[in-house]
Amino acid sequence: PGLTLATGMSGHGFGIGPGVGRVTARLVAGEDPQYDLT
């Protein structure tokens, strides 16, 4: 608890990286990620 994981970009990380960073920050801050992360 307290650890958030953002890894395994599988060769797709450069382009989507800013969006993943924003979503990850929302998770850390306890906010709605605004996307279905299932």
PDB file of all heavy atoms in Angstrom:
ATOM      1  N   PRO A   1       0.815  -1.216   0.000  1.00  0.00           N
ATOM      2  CA  PRO A   1       0.000   0.000   0.000  1.00  0.00           C
ATOM      3  C   PRO A   1       0.847   1.264   0.000  1.00  0.00           C
ATOM      4  O   PRO A   1       1.798   1.392   0.773  1.00  0.00           O
ATOM      5  CB  PRO A   1      -0.806  -0.131   1.308  1.00  0.00           C
ATOM      6  CG  PRO A   1      -0.835  -1.596   1.592  1.00  0.00           C
ATOM      7  CD  PRO A   1       0.478  -2.124   1.110  1.00  0.00           C
ATOM      8  N   GLY A   2       0.506   2.174  -0.911  1.00  0.00           N
ATOM      9  CA  GLY A   2       1.287   3.383  -1.085  1.00  0.00           C
ATOM     10  C   GLY A   2       2.148   3.351  -2.324  1.00  0.00           C
ATOM     11  O   GLY A   2       2.670   4.395  -2.744  1.00  0.00           O
ATOM     12  N   LEU A   3       2.290   2.154  -2.939  1.00  0.00           N
ATOM     13  CA  LEU A   3       3.089   2.035  -4.163  1.00  0.00           C
ATOM     14  C   LEU A   3       2.159   1.967  -5.373  1.00  0.00           C
ATOM     15  O   LEU A   3       1.221   1.172  -5.409  1.00  0.00           O
ATOM     16  CB  LEU A   3       3.955   0.775  -4.127  1.00  0.00           C
ATOM     17  CG  LEU A   3       4.819   0.547  -5.380  1.00  0.00           C
ATOM     18  CD1 LEU A   3       5.873   1.635  -5.527  1.00  0.00           C
ATOM     19  CD2 LEU A   3       5.466  -0.837  -5.353  1.00  0.00           C
ATOM     20  N   THR A   4       2.433   2.798  -6.365  1.00  0.00           N
ATOM     21  CA  THR A   4       1.708   2.781  -7.631  1.00  0.00           C
ATOM     22  C   THR A   4       2.683   2.359  -8.717  1.00  0.00           C
ATOM     23  O   THR A   4       3.817   2.852  -8.774  1.00  0.00           O
ATOM     24  CB  THR A   4       1.123   4.167  -7.953  1.00  0.00           C
ATOM     25  OG1 THR A   4       0.280   4.580  -6.864  1.00  0.00           O
ATOM     26  CG2 THR A   4       0.296   4.126  -9.229  1.00  0.00           C
ATOM     27  N   LEU A   5       2.244   1.459  -9.580  1.00  0.00           N
ATOM     28  CA  LEU A   5       3.102   0.871 -10.600  1.00  0.00           C
ATOM     29  C   LEU A   5       2.670   1.338 -11.988  1.00  0.00           C
ATOM     30  O   LEU A   5       1.492   1.274 -12.340  1.00  0.00           O
ATOM     31  CB  LEU A   5       3.026  -0.652 -10.517  1.00  0.00           C
ATOM     32  CG  LEU A   5       3.879  -1.471 -11.491  1.00  0.00           C
ATOM     33  CD1 LEU A   5       5.362  -1.202 -11.277  1.00  0.00           C
ATOM     34  CD2 LEU A   5       3.587  -2.968 -11.310  1.00  0.00           C
ATOM     35  N   ALA A   6       3.627   1.819 -12.768  1.00  0.00           N
ATOM     36  CA  ALA A   6       3.379   2.185 -14.166  1.00  0.00           C
ATOM     37  C   ALA A   6       4.535   1.604 -14.980  1.00  0.00           C
ATOM     38  O   ALA A   6       5.602   2.216 -15.081  1.00  0.00           O
ATOM     39  CB  ALA A   6       3.287   3.694 -14.338  1.00  0.00           C
ATOM     40  N   THR A   7       4.339   0.430 -15.524  1.00  0.00           N
ATOM     41  CA  THR A   7       5.429  -0.266 -16.202  1.00  0.00           C
ATOM     42  C   THR A   7       4.876  -1.184 -17.278  1.00  0.00           C
ATOM     43  O   THR A   7       3.674  -1.302 -17.453  1.00  0.00           O
ATOM     44  CB  THR A   7       6.263  -1.065 -15.180  1.00  0.00           C
ATOM     45  OG1 THR A   7       7.524  -1.424 -15.761  1.00  0.00           O
ATOM     46  CG2 THR A   7       5.545  -2.335 -14.739  1.00  0.00           C
ATOM     47  N   GLY A   8       5.792  -1.831 -18.013  1.00  0.00           N
ATOM     48  CA  GLY A   8       5.378  -2.765 -19.066  1.00  0.00           C
ATOM     49  C   GLY A   8       4.786  -2.059 -20.267  1.00  0.00           C
ATOM     50  O   GLY A   8       3.821  -2.538 -20.853  1.00  0.00           O
ATOM     51  N   MET A   9       5.385  -0.939 -20.680  1.00  0.00           N
ATOM     52  CA  MET A   9       4.823  -0.183 -21.799  1.00  0.00           C
ATOM     53  C   MET A   9       4.906  -0.939 -23.126  1.00  0.00           C
ATOM     54  O   MET A   9       4.303  -0.540 -24.121  1.00  0.00           O
ATOM     55  CB  MET A   9       5.517   1.166 -21.934  1.00  0.00           C
ATOM     56  CG  MET A   9       5.335   2.082 -20.730  1.00  0.00           C
ATOM     57  SD  MET A   9       3.619   2.556 -20.407  1.00  0.00           S
ATOM     58  CE  MET A   9       3.523   2.199 -18.641  1.00  0.00           C
ATOM     59  N   SER A  10       5.665  -2.020 -23.160  1.00  0.00           N
ATOM     60  CA  SER A  10       5.655  -2.975 -24.276  1.00  0.00           C
ATOM     61  C   SER A  10       6.001  -2.343 -25.623  1.00  0.00           C
ATOM     62  O   SER A  10       5.459  -2.710 -26.665  1.00  0.00           O
ATOM     63  CB  SER A  10       4.295  -3.688 -24.351  1.00  0.00           C
ATOM     64  OG  SER A  10       4.002  -4.353 -23.136  1.00  0.00           O
ATOM     65  N   GLY A  11       6.923  -1.388 -25.593  1.00  0.00           N
ATOM     66  CA  GLY A  11       7.353  -0.752 -26.829  1.00  0.00           C
ATOM     67  C   GLY A  11       6.454   0.361 -27.309  1.00  0.00           C
ATOM     68  O   GLY A  11       6.675   0.923 -28.376  1.00  0.00           O
ATOM     69  N   HIS A  12       5.427   0.708 -26.510  1.00  0.00           N
ATOM     70  CA  HIS A  12       4.470   1.738 -26.903  1.00  0.00           C
ATOM     71  C   HIS A  12       4.558   2.962 -26.001  1.00  0.00           C
ATOM     72  O   HIS A  12       3.703   3.841 -26.058  1.00  0.00           O
ATOM     73  CB  HIS A  12       3.038   1.192 -26.818  1.00  0.00           C
ATOM     74  CG  HIS A  12       2.844  -0.132 -27.479  1.00  0.00           C
ATOM     75  ND1 HIS A  12       1.869  -1.041 -27.079  1.00  0.00           N
ATOM     76  CD2 HIS A  12       3.481  -0.728 -28.500  1.00  0.00           C
ATOM     77  CE1 HIS A  12       1.931  -2.121 -27.833  1.00  0.00           C
ATOM     78  NE2 HIS A  12       2.903  -1.956 -28.698  1.00  0.00           N
ATOM     79  N   GLY A  13       5.583   3.039 -25.151  1.00  0.00           N
ATOM     80  CA  GLY A  13       5.559   4.012 -24.075  1.00  0.00           C
ATOM     81  C   GLY A  13       5.874   5.439 -24.453  1.00  0.00           C
ATOM     82  O   GLY A  13       5.381   6.364 -23.801  1.00  0.00           O
ATOM     83  N   PHE A  14       6.681   5.667 -25.481  1.00  0.00           N
ATOM     84  CA  PHE A  14       7.105   7.033 -25.786  1.00  0.00           C
ATOM     85  C   PHE A  14       5.905   7.915 -26.136  1.00  0.00           C
ATOM     86  O   PHE A  14       5.706   8.980 -25.549  1.00  0.00           O
ATOM     87  CB  PHE A  14       8.115   7.016 -26.933  1.00  0.00           C
ATOM     88  CG  PHE A  14       8.597   8.387 -27.336  1.00  0.00           C
ATOM     89  CD1 PHE A  14       9.358   9.148 -26.472  1.00  0.00           C
ATOM     90  CD2 PHE A  14       8.298   8.905 -28.585  1.00  0.00           C
ATOM     91  CE1 PHE A  14       9.816  10.415 -26.841  1.00  0.00           C
ATOM     92  CE2 PHE A  14       8.743  10.166 -28.968  1.00  0.00           C
ATOM     93  CZ  PHE A  14       9.508  10.919 -28.089  1.00  0.00           C
ATOM     94  N   GLY A  15       5.100   7.478 -27.068  1.00  0.00           N
ATOM     95  CA  GLY A  15       3.977   8.296 -27.509  1.00  0.00           C
ATOM     96  C   GLY A  15       2.898   8.475 -26.464  1.00  0.00           C
ATOM     97  O   GLY A  15       2.353   9.566 -26.286  1.00  0.00           O
ATOM     98  N   ILE A  16       2.596   7.409 -25.742  1.00  0.00           N
ATOM     99  CA  ILE A  16       1.503   7.458 -24.761  1.00  0.00           C
ATOM    100  C   ILE A  16       1.993   7.923 -23.397  1.00  0.00           C
ATOM    101  O   ILE A  16       1.191   8.216 -22.500  1.00  0.00           O
ATOM    102  CB  ILE A  16       0.833   6.065 -24.633  1.00  0.00           C
ATOM    103  CG1 ILE A  16      -0.563   6.181 -24.034  1.00  0.00           C
ATOM    104  CG2 ILE A  16       1.702   5.095 -23.838  1.00  0.00           C
ATOM    105  CD1 ILE A  16      -1.331   4.864 -24.013  1.00  0.00           C
ATOM    106  N   GLY A  17       3.316   8.051 -23.220  1.00  0.00           N
ATOM    107  CA  GLY A  17       3.899   8.340 -21.918  1.00  0.00           C
ATOM    108  C   GLY A  17       3.306   9.534 -21.189  1.00  0.00           C
ATOM    109  O   GLY A  17       3.018   9.443 -19.985  1.00  0.00           O
ATOM    110  N   PRO A  18       3.105  10.679 -21.854  1.00  0.00           N
ATOM    111  CA  PRO A  18       2.502  11.800 -21.132  1.00  0.00           C
ATOM    112  C   PRO A  18       1.117  11.486 -20.580  1.00  0.00           C
ATOM    113  O   PRO A  18       0.777  11.875 -19.455  1.00  0.00           O
ATOM    114  CB  PRO A  18       2.446  12.902 -22.202  1.00  0.00           C
ATOM    115  CG  PRO A  18       3.568  12.575 -23.127  1.00  0.00           C
ATOM    116  CD  PRO A  18       3.588  11.073 -23.196  1.00  0.00           C
ATOM    117  N   GLY A  19       0.311  10.773 -21.354  1.00  0.00           N
ATOM    118  CA  GLY A  19      -1.016  10.398 -20.877  1.00  0.00           C
ATOM    119  C   GLY A  19      -0.954   9.436 -19.711  1.00  0.00           C
ATOM    120  O   GLY A  19      -1.707   9.556 -18.734  1.00  0.00           O
ATOM    121  N   VAL A  20      -0.037   8.464 -19.780  1.00  0.00           N
ATOM    122  CA  VAL A  20       0.132   7.523 -18.664  1.00  0.00           C
ATOM    123  C   VAL A  20       0.603   8.264 -17.423  1.00  0.00           C
ATOM    124  O   VAL A  20       0.147   7.987 -16.306  1.00  0.00           O
ATOM    125  CB  VAL A  20       1.121   6.408 -19.050  1.00  0.00           C
ATOM    126  CG1 VAL A  20       1.462   5.545 -17.833  1.00  0.00           C
ATOM    127  CG2 VAL A  20       0.549   5.535 -20.153  1.00  0.00           C
ATOM    128  N   GLY A  21       1.503   9.237 -17.606  1.00  0.00           N
ATOM    129  CA  GLY A  21       1.951  10.026 -16.469  1.00  0.00           C
ATOM    130  C   GLY A  21       0.815  10.778 -15.802  1.00  0.00           C
ATOM    131  O   GLY A  21       0.713  10.836 -14.576  1.00  0.00           O
ATOM    132  N   ARG A  22      -0.065  11.357 -16.610  1.00  0.00           N
ATOM    133  CA  ARG A  22      -1.207  12.093 -16.056  1.00  0.00           C
ATOM    134  C   ARG A  22      -2.156  11.154 -15.314  1.00  0.00           C
ATOM    135  O   ARG A  22      -2.625  11.474 -14.209  1.00  0.00           O
ATOM    136  CB  ARG A  22      -1.945  12.834 -17.179  1.00  0.00           C
ATOM    137  CG  ARG A  22      -3.156  13.623 -16.707  1.00  0.00           C
ATOM    138  CD  ARG A  22      -3.615  14.612 -17.775  1.00  0.00           C
ATOM    139  NE  ARG A  22      -2.703  15.757 -17.875  1.00  0.00           N
ATOM    140  CZ  ARG A  22      -2.843  16.744 -18.763  1.00  0.00           C
ATOM    141  NH1 ARG A  22      -3.844  16.723 -19.630  1.00  0.00           N
ATOM    142  NH2 ARG A  22      -1.990  17.755 -18.775  1.00  0.00           N
ATOM    143  N   VAL A  23      -2.433   9.997 -15.888  1.00  0.00           N
ATOM    144  CA  VAL A  23      -3.317   9.027 -15.235  1.00  0.00           C
ATOM    145  C   VAL A  23      -2.691   8.524 -13.932  1.00  0.00           C
ATOM    146  O   VAL A  23      -3.370   8.405 -12.903  1.00  0.00           O
ATOM    147  CB  VAL A  23      -3.617   7.856 -16.188  1.00  0.00           C
ATOM    148  CG1 VAL A  23      -4.299   6.714 -15.446  1.00  0.00           C
ATOM    149  CG2 VAL A  23      -4.490   8.326 -17.348  1.00  0.00           C
ATOM    150  N   THR A  24      -1.398   8.231 -13.966  1.00  0.00           N
ATOM    151  CA  THR A  24      -0.715   7.743 -12.771  1.00  0.00           C
ATOM    152  C   THR A  24      -0.741   8.794 -11.672  1.00  0.00           C
ATOM    153  O   THR A  24      -0.960   8.479 -10.491  1.00  0.00           O
ATOM    154  CB  THR A  24       0.733   7.361 -13.105  1.00  0.00           C
ATOM    155  OG1 THR A  24       0.744   6.405 -14.167  1.00  0.00           O
ATOM    156  CG2 THR A  24       1.440   6.767 -11.901  1.00  0.00           C
ATOM    157  N   ALA A  25      -0.543  10.045 -12.026  1.00  0.00           N
ATOM    158  CA  ALA A  25      -0.602  11.121 -11.035  1.00  0.00           C
ATOM    159  C   ALA A  25      -1.984  11.214 -10.408  1.00  0.00           C
ATOM    160  O   ALA A  25      -2.115  11.466  -9.195  1.00  0.00           O
ATOM    161  CB  ALA A  25      -0.209  12.449 -11.683  1.00  0.00           C
ATOM    162  N   ARG A  26      -3.006  11.031 -11.214  1.00  0.00           N
ATOM    163  CA  ARG A  26      -4.367  11.046 -10.661  1.00  0.00           C
ATOM    164  C   ARG A  26      -4.557   9.909  -9.660  1.00  0.00           C
ATOM    165  O   ARG A  26      -5.190  10.088  -8.603  1.00  0.00           O
ATOM    166  CB  ARG A  26      -5.392  10.935 -11.791  1.00  0.00           C
ATOM    167  CG  ARG A  26      -5.501  12.189 -12.662  1.00  0.00           C
ATOM    168  CD  ARG A  26      -6.312  11.919 -13.914  1.00  0.00           C
ATOM    169  NE  ARG A  26      -6.404  13.104 -14.774  1.00  0.00           N
ATOM    170  CZ  ARG A  26      -6.673  13.069 -16.077  1.00  0.00           C
ATOM    171  NH1 ARG A  26      -6.887  11.903 -16.676  1.00  0.00           N
ATOM    172  NH2 ARG A  26      -6.729  14.183 -16.782  1.00  0.00           N
ATOM    173  N   LEU A  27      -4.019   8.720  -9.971  1.00  0.00           N
ATOM    174  CA  LEU A  27      -4.132   7.605  -9.036  1.00  0.00           C
ATOM    175  C   LEU A  27      -3.428   7.922  -7.724  1.00  0.00           C
ATOM    176  O   LEU A  27      -3.962   7.662  -6.637  1.00  0.00           O
ATOM    177  CB  LEU A  27      -3.528   6.341  -9.661  1.00  0.00           C
ATOM    178  CG  LEU A  27      -4.289   5.681 -10.809  1.00  0.00           C
ATOM    179  CD1 LEU A  27      -3.492   4.504 -11.358  1.00  0.00           C
ATOM    180  CD2 LEU A  27      -5.670   5.212 -10.348  1.00  0.00           C
ATOM    181  N   VAL A  28      -2.230   8.481  -7.809  1.00  0.00           N
ATOM    182  CA  VAL A  28      -1.467   8.806  -6.609  1.00  0.00           C
ATOM    183  C   VAL A  28      -2.217   9.832  -5.759  1.00  0.00           C
ATOM    184  O   VAL A  28      -2.260   9.724  -4.521  1.00  0.00           O
ATOM    185  CB  VAL A  28      -0.074   9.352  -6.989  1.00  0.00           C
ATOM    186  CG1 VAL A  28       0.650   9.903  -5.755  1.00  0.00           C
ATOM    187  CG2 VAL A  28       0.761   8.264  -7.651  1.00  0.00           C
ATOM    188  N   ALA A  29      -2.837  10.795  -6.405  1.00  0.00           N
ATOM    189  CA  ALA A  29      -3.542  11.861  -5.690  1.00  0.00           C
ATOM    190  C   ALA A  29      -4.922  11.430  -5.198  1.00  0.00           C
ATOM    191  O   ALA A  29      -5.622  12.224  -4.559  1.00  0.00           O
ATOM    192  CB  ALA A  29      -3.666  13.082  -6.595  1.00  0.00           C
ATOM    193  N   GLY A  30      -5.308  10.193  -5.486  1.00  0.00           N
ATOM    194  CA  GLY A  30      -6.611   9.711  -5.042  1.00  0.00           C
ATOM    195  C   GLY A  30      -7.766  10.255  -5.850  1.00  0.00           C
ATOM    196  O   GLY A  30      -8.915  10.260  -5.384  1.00  0.00           O
ATOM    197  N   GLU A  31      -7.492  10.689  -7.076  1.00  0.00           N
ATOM    198  CA  GLU A  31      -8.511  11.268  -7.941  1.00  0.00           C
ATOM    199  C   GLU A  31      -9.071  10.223  -8.905  1.00  0.00           C
ATOM    200  O   GLU A  31      -8.504   9.138  -9.085  1.00  0.00           O
ATOM    201  CB  GLU A  31      -7.919  12.427  -8.746  1.00  0.00           C
ATOM    202  CG  GLU A  31      -7.371  13.555  -7.896  1.00  0.00           C
ATOM    203  CD  GLU A  31      -6.598  14.586  -8.713  1.00  0.00           C
ATOM    204  OE1 GLU A  31      -6.451  14.397  -9.941  1.00  0.00           O
ATOM    205  OE2 GLU A  31      -6.125  15.565  -8.118  1.00  0.00           O
ATOM    206  N   ASP A  32     -10.162  10.563  -9.538  1.00  0.00           N
ATOM    207  CA  ASP A  32     -10.719   9.733 -10.599  1.00  0.00           C
ATOM    208  C   ASP A  32      -9.733   9.729 -11.767  1.00  0.00           C
ATOM    209  O   ASP A  32      -9.383  10.788 -12.292  1.00  0.00           O
ATOM    210  CB  ASP A  32     -12.067  10.331 -11.044  1.00  0.00           C
ATOM    211  CG  ASP A  32     -12.745   9.504 -12.135  1.00  0.00           C
ATOM    212  OD1 ASP A  32     -12.117   8.581 -12.695  1.00  0.00           O
ATOM    213  OD2 ASP A  32     -13.916   9.801 -12.437  1.00  0.00           O
ATOM    214  N   PRO A  33      -9.265   8.553 -12.222  1.00  0.00           N
ATOM    215  CA  PRO A  33      -8.314   8.539 -13.340  1.00  0.00           C
ATOM    216  C   PRO A  33      -8.924   9.012 -14.655  1.00  0.00           C
ATOM    217  O   PRO A  33      -8.200   9.290 -15.604  1.00  0.00           O
ATOM    218  CB  PRO A  33      -7.895   7.064 -13.427  1.00  0.00           C
ATOM    219  CG  PRO A  33      -9.010   6.314 -12.791  1.00  0.00           C
ATOM    220  CD  PRO A  33      -9.546   7.207 -11.713  1.00  0.00           C
ATOM    221  N   GLN A  34     -10.257   9.076 -14.715  1.00  0.00           N
ATOM    222  CA  GLN A  34     -11.012   9.563 -15.874  1.00  0.00           C
ATOM    223  C   GLN A  34     -11.026   8.599 -17.051  1.00  0.00           C
ATOM    224  O   GLN A  34     -11.527   8.934 -18.130  1.00  0.00           O
ATOM    225  CB  GLN A  34     -10.528  10.957 -16.304  1.00  0.00           C
ATOM    226  CG  GLN A  34     -10.697  12.001 -15.210  1.00  0.00           C
ATOM    227  CD  GLN A  34     -10.299  13.396 -15.651  1.00  0.00           C
ATOM    228  OE1 GLN A  34     -10.294  13.716 -16.837  1.00  0.00           O
ATOM    229  NE2 GLN A  34      -9.981  14.249 -14.688  1.00  0.00           N
ATOM    230  N   TYR A  35     -10.460   7.428 -16.857  1.00  0.00           N
ATOM    231  CA  TYR A  35     -10.514   6.384 -17.878  1.00  0.00           C
ATOM    232  C   TYR A  35     -10.756   5.048 -17.194  1.00  0.00           C
ATOM    233  O   TYR A  35     -10.436   4.870 -16.014  1.00  0.00           O
ATOM    234  CB  TYR A  35      -9.197   6.312 -18.668  1.00  0.00           C
ATOM    235  CG  TYR A  35      -8.855   7.589 -19.394  1.00  0.00           C
ATOM    236  CD1 TYR A  35      -7.833   8.417 -18.934  1.00  0.00           C
ATOM    237  CD2 TYR A  35      -9.565   7.981 -20.525  1.00  0.00           C
ATOM    238  CE1 TYR A  35      -7.522   9.603 -19.582  1.00  0.00           C
ATOM    239  CE2 TYR A  35      -9.270   9.168 -21.177  1.00  0.00           C
ATOM    240  CZ  TYR A  35      -8.250   9.972 -20.702  1.00  0.00           C
ATOM    241  OH  TYR A  35      -7.956  11.147 -21.347  1.00  0.00           O
ATOM    242  N   ASP A  36     -11.286   4.107 -17.938  1.00  0.00           N
ATOM    243  CA  ASP A  36     -11.456   2.744 -17.434  1.00  0.00           C
ATOM    244  C   ASP A  36     -10.096   2.053 -17.493  1.00  0.00           C
ATOM    245  O   ASP A  36      -9.573   1.777 -18.577  1.00  0.00           O
ATOM    246  CB  ASP A  36     -12.481   1.998 -18.289  1.00  0.00           C
ATOM    247  CG  ASP A  36     -12.733   0.581 -17.796  1.00  0.00           C
ATOM    248  OD1 ASP A  36     -12.101   0.167 -16.803  1.00  0.00           O
ATOM    249  OD2 ASP A  36     -13.548  -0.130 -18.422  1.00  0.00           O
ATOM    250  N   LEU A  37      -9.533   1.758 -16.335  1.00  0.00           N
ATOM    251  CA  LEU A  37      -8.205   1.148 -16.268  1.00  0.00           C
ATOM    252  C   LEU A  37      -8.250  -0.356 -16.023  1.00  0.00           C
ATOM    253  O   LEU A  37      -7.230  -0.966 -15.686  1.00  0.00           O
ATOM    254  CB  LEU A  37      -7.376   1.827 -15.168  1.00  0.00           C
ATOM    255  CG  LEU A  37      -7.156   3.342 -15.300  1.00  0.00           C
ATOM    256  CD1 LEU A  37      -6.260   3.842 -14.178  1.00  0.00           C
ATOM    257  CD2 LEU A  37      -6.565   3.699 -16.659  1.00  0.00           C
ATOM    258  N   THR A  38      -9.415  -0.955 -16.203  1.00  0.00           N
ATOM    259  CA  THR A  38      -9.547  -2.394 -15.960  1.00  0.00           C
ATOM    260  C   THR A  38      -8.528  -3.202 -16.751  1.00  0.00           C
ATOM    261  O   THR A  38      -7.928  -4.157 -16.236  1.00  0.00           O
ATOM    262  CB  THR A  38     -10.968  -2.865 -16.329  1.00  0.00           C
ATOM    263  OG1 THR A  38     -11.926  -2.114 -15.583  1.00  0.00           O
ATOM    264  CG2 THR A  38     -11.144  -4.344 -16.026  1.00  0.00           C
TER     265      THR A  38
END
